[in-house]
Amino acid sequence: SLTATIAGVAAGAAGAVALTPVLVSAAGFTAGGIAAGSVASWMMSAAAVANGGGVAAGGVVAVLQSVGAAGLSAAATAVVGTVGGAAGGFPHMLALSSSKKKKYFFVQLLLISYSFAF
């Protein structure tokens, strides 16, 4: 039903936005920097080796550290909310029988989840 779909999209969007900073911090990307012995420190080491001794600005490690230090930006919140909303509504899309309905519904789902992100 439409109500269940909207509830799934809303829960997915809200959950993704709320949990992303928590998971990033748990991985070791913290406000005080990268935690020693963490997944983040392993990623930073691997990135530094791959880049000849430095961590690339705008790379995965740098972006995750930014999220760990300052939280999600408005743009990142929109992206994370949209992906979470799409994931939350995905089971309802699978319940549709026709391939055409599935494609149409998925487009609607992305639009709905994008609106929840704002």
C-alpha atoms as a PDB file:
ATOM      1  CA  SER A   1       0.000   0.000   0.000  1.00  0.00           C
ATOM      2  CA  LEU A   2       1.008   3.608  -0.448  1.00  0.00           C
ATOM      3  CA  THR A   3       1.009   4.204   3.320  1.00  0.00           C
ATOM      4  CA  ALA A   4       3.370   1.299   3.929  1.00  0.00           C
ATOM      5  CA  THR A   5       5.619   2.501   1.108  1.00  0.00           C
ATOM      6  CA  ILE A   6       5.775   6.031   2.485  1.00  0.00           C
ATOM      7  CA  ALA A   7       6.451   4.673   5.978  1.00  0.00           C
ATOM      8  CA  GLY A   8       9.264   2.480   4.619  1.00  0.00           C
ATOM      9  CA  VAL A   9      10.790   5.371   2.691  1.00  0.00           C
ATOM     10  CA  ALA A  10      10.555   7.708   5.694  1.00  0.00           C
ATOM     11  CA  ALA A  11      12.046   5.154   8.072  1.00  0.00           C
ATOM     12  CA  GLY A  12      14.859   4.354   5.659  1.00  0.00           C
ATOM     13  CA  ALA A  13      15.686   8.023   5.063  1.00  0.00           C
ATOM     14  CA  ALA A  14      15.567   8.994   8.738  1.00  0.00           C
ATOM     15  CA  GLY A  15      17.471   5.909   9.852  1.00  0.00           C
ATOM     16  CA  ALA A  16      20.233   6.402   7.301  1.00  0.00           C
ATOM     17  CA  VAL A  17      20.687  10.075   8.201  1.00  0.00           C
ATOM     18  CA  ALA A  18      20.727   9.292  11.935  1.00  0.00           C
ATOM     19  CA  LEU A  19      22.988   6.235  11.763  1.00  0.00           C
ATOM     20  CA  THR A  20      25.594   7.355   9.237  1.00  0.00           C
ATOM     21  CA  PRO A  21      27.525   9.655  11.621  1.00  0.00           C
ATOM     22  CA  VAL A  22      27.321   7.018  14.361  1.00  0.00           C
ATOM     23  CA  LEU A  23      28.757   4.306  12.097  1.00  0.00           C
ATOM     24  CA  VAL A  24      31.458   6.617  10.739  1.00  0.00           C
ATOM     25  CA  SER A  25      32.502   7.497  14.282  1.00  0.00           C
ATOM     26  CA  ALA A  26      32.449   3.835  15.336  1.00  0.00           C
ATOM     27  CA  ALA A  27      34.824   3.080  12.459  1.00  0.00           C
ATOM     28  CA  GLY A  28      37.309   5.526  14.006  1.00  0.00           C
ATOM     29  CA  PHE A  29      36.648   8.771  12.118  1.00  0.00           C
ATOM     30  CA  THR A  30      36.149  11.066  15.117  1.00  0.00           C
ATOM     31  CA  ALA A  31      36.046  14.781  15.895  1.00  0.00           C
ATOM     32  CA  GLY A  32      39.520  14.443  17.427  1.00  0.00           C
ATOM     33  CA  GLY A  33      40.978  12.775  14.343  1.00  0.00           C
ATOM     34  CA  ILE A  34      41.456   9.196  13.276  1.00  0.00           C
ATOM     35  CA  ALA A  35      41.445   6.772  16.204  1.00  0.00           C
ATOM     36  CA  ALA A  36      44.539   4.584  16.578  1.00  0.00           C
ATOM     37  CA  GLY A  37      44.010   0.897  15.844  1.00  0.00           C
ATOM     38  CA  SER A  38      40.658   1.473  14.147  1.00  0.00           C
ATOM     39  CA  VAL A  39      39.288   0.651  10.719  1.00  0.00           C
ATOM     40  CA  ALA A  40      39.828   4.332   9.929  1.00  0.00           C
ATOM     41  CA  SER A  41      43.540   4.087  10.746  1.00  0.00           C
ATOM     42  CA  TRP A  42      43.876   1.046   8.500  1.00  0.00           C
ATOM     43  CA  MET A  43      42.079   2.896   5.676  1.00  0.00           C
ATOM     44  CA  MET A  44      44.249   5.975   6.150  1.00  0.00           C
ATOM     45  CA  SER A  45      47.414   3.874   6.043  1.00  0.00           C
ATOM     46  CA  ALA A  46      46.292   2.080   2.880  1.00  0.00           C
ATOM     47  CA  ALA A  47      45.335   5.390   1.236  1.00  0.00           C
ATOM     48  CA  ALA A  48      48.679   6.945   2.153  1.00  0.00           C
ATOM     49  CA  VAL A  49      50.619   4.001   0.726  1.00  0.00           C
ATOM     50  CA  ALA A  50      48.535   4.078  -2.464  1.00  0.00           C
ATOM     51  CA  ASN A  51      49.057   7.828  -2.872  1.00  0.00           C
ATOM     52  CA  GLY A  52      52.779   7.910  -2.202  1.00  0.00           C
ATOM     53  CA  GLY A  53      52.633   9.034   1.424  1.00  0.00           C
ATOM     54  CA  GLY A  54      49.621  11.360   1.610  1.00  0.00           C
ATOM     55  CA  VAL A  55      45.869  11.076   1.806  1.00  0.00           C
ATOM     56  CA  ALA A  56      44.137  12.580  -1.206  1.00  0.00           C
ATOM     57  CA  ALA A  57      41.849  15.545  -0.566  1.00  0.00           C
ATOM     58  CA  GLY A  58      38.301  14.587  -1.530  1.00  0.00           C
ATOM     59  CA  GLY A  59      39.077  10.879  -1.283  1.00  0.00           C
ATOM     60  CA  VAL A  60      37.082   8.370   0.737  1.00  0.00           C
ATOM     61  CA  VAL A  61      39.234   8.727   3.851  1.00  0.00           C
ATOM     62  CA  ALA A  62      39.103  12.529   3.730  1.00  0.00           C
ATOM     63  CA  VAL A  63      35.336  12.584   3.235  1.00  0.00           C
ATOM     64  CA  LEU A  64      34.714  10.101   6.050  1.00  0.00           C
ATOM     65  CA  GLN A  65      36.997  12.078   8.366  1.00  0.00           C
ATOM     66  CA  SER A  66      35.052  15.224   7.527  1.00  0.00           C
ATOM     67  CA  VAL A  67      31.800  13.449   8.409  1.00  0.00           C
ATOM     68  CA  GLY A  68      33.338  12.144  11.627  1.00  0.00           C
ATOM     69  CA  ALA A  69      34.575  15.590  12.607  1.00  0.00           C
ATOM     70  CA  ALA A  70      31.686  17.821  11.518  1.00  0.00           C
ATOM     71  CA  GLY A  71      28.750  15.550  10.677  1.00  0.00           C
ATOM     72  CA  LEU A  72      26.916  15.345   7.378  1.00  0.00           C
ATOM     73  CA  SER A  73      26.735  18.437   5.185  1.00  0.00           C
ATOM     74  CA  ALA A  74      23.374  19.430   3.694  1.00  0.00           C
ATOM     75  CA  ALA A  75      24.294  17.795   0.384  1.00  0.00           C
ATOM     76  CA  ALA A  76      25.502  14.623   2.086  1.00  0.00           C
ATOM     77  CA  THR A  77      22.319  14.510   4.176  1.00  0.00           C
ATOM     78  CA  ALA A  78      20.275  14.665   0.976  1.00  0.00           C
ATOM     79  CA  VAL A  79      22.268  11.872  -0.645  1.00  0.00           C
ATOM     80  CA  VAL A  80      22.269   9.625   2.437  1.00  0.00           C
ATOM     81  CA  GLY A  81      18.548  10.270   3.006  1.00  0.00           C
ATOM     82  CA  THR A  82      17.741   9.472  -0.608  1.00  0.00           C
ATOM     83  CA  VAL A  83      19.696   6.213  -0.569  1.00  0.00           C
ATOM     84  CA  GLY A  84      18.168   5.264   2.793  1.00  0.00           C
ATOM     85  CA  GLY A  85      14.686   6.117   1.576  1.00  0.00           C
ATOM     86  CA  ALA A  86      15.154   4.050  -1.561  1.00  0.00           C
ATOM     87  CA  ALA A  87      16.389   1.124   0.534  1.00  0.00           C
ATOM     88  CA  GLY A  88      13.439   1.520   2.911  1.00  0.00           C
ATOM     89  CA  GLY A  89      10.946   1.407   0.049  1.00  0.00           C
ATOM     90  CA  PHE A  90      12.712  -1.320  -1.932  1.00  0.00           C
ATOM     91  CA  PRO A  91      10.737  -4.246  -0.459  1.00  0.00           C
ATOM     92  CA  HIS A  92       7.499  -2.611  -1.626  1.00  0.00           C
ATOM     93  CA  MET A  93       8.894  -2.223  -5.133  1.00  0.00           C
ATOM     94  CA  LEU A  94       9.711  -5.930  -5.249  1.00  0.00           C
ATOM     95  CA  ALA A  95       6.110  -6.774  -4.429  1.00  0.00           C
ATOM     96  CA  LEU A  96       4.924  -5.300  -7.757  1.00  0.00           C
ATOM     97  CA  SER A  97       4.381  -7.884 -10.476  1.00  0.00           C
ATOM     98  CA  SER A  98       4.905  -6.051 -13.753  1.00  0.00           C
ATOM     99  CA  SER A  99       8.380  -4.947 -14.815  1.00  0.00           C
ATOM    100  CA  LYS A 100       6.924  -1.682 -16.110  1.00  0.00           C
ATOM    101  CA  LYS A 101       5.257  -1.007 -12.765  1.00  0.00           C
ATOM    102  CA  LYS A 102       8.521  -1.752 -10.992  1.00  0.00           C
ATOM    103  CA  LYS A 103      10.431   0.771 -13.108  1.00  0.00           C
ATOM    104  CA  TYR A 104       7.745   3.424 -12.666  1.00  0.00           C
ATOM    105  CA  PHE A 105       7.496   2.756  -8.947  1.00  0.00           C
ATOM    106  CA  PHE A 106      11.282   2.945  -8.483  1.00  0.00           C
ATOM    107  CA  VAL A 107      11.366   6.401 -10.093  1.00  0.00           C
ATOM    108  CA  GLN A 108       8.563   7.507  -7.779  1.00  0.00           C
ATOM    109  CA  LEU A 109      10.377   6.009  -4.820  1.00  0.00           C
ATOM    110  CA  LEU A 110      13.556   7.944  -5.579  1.00  0.00           C
ATOM    111  CA  LEU A 111      11.608  11.179  -5.915  1.00  0.00           C
ATOM    112  CA  ILE A 112       9.765  10.577  -2.653  1.00  0.00           C
ATOM    113  CA  SER A 113      12.929   9.673  -0.779  1.00  0.00           C
ATOM    114  CA  TYR A 114      14.727  12.713  -2.202  1.00  0.00           C
ATOM    115  CA  SER A 115      11.964  14.953  -0.888  1.00  0.00           C
ATOM    116  CA  PHE A 116      12.286  13.325   2.566  1.00  0.00           C
ATOM    117  CA  ALA A 117      15.999  14.157   2.573  1.00  0.00           C
ATOM    118  CA  PHE A 118      15.133  17.847   2.579  1.00  0.00           C
END
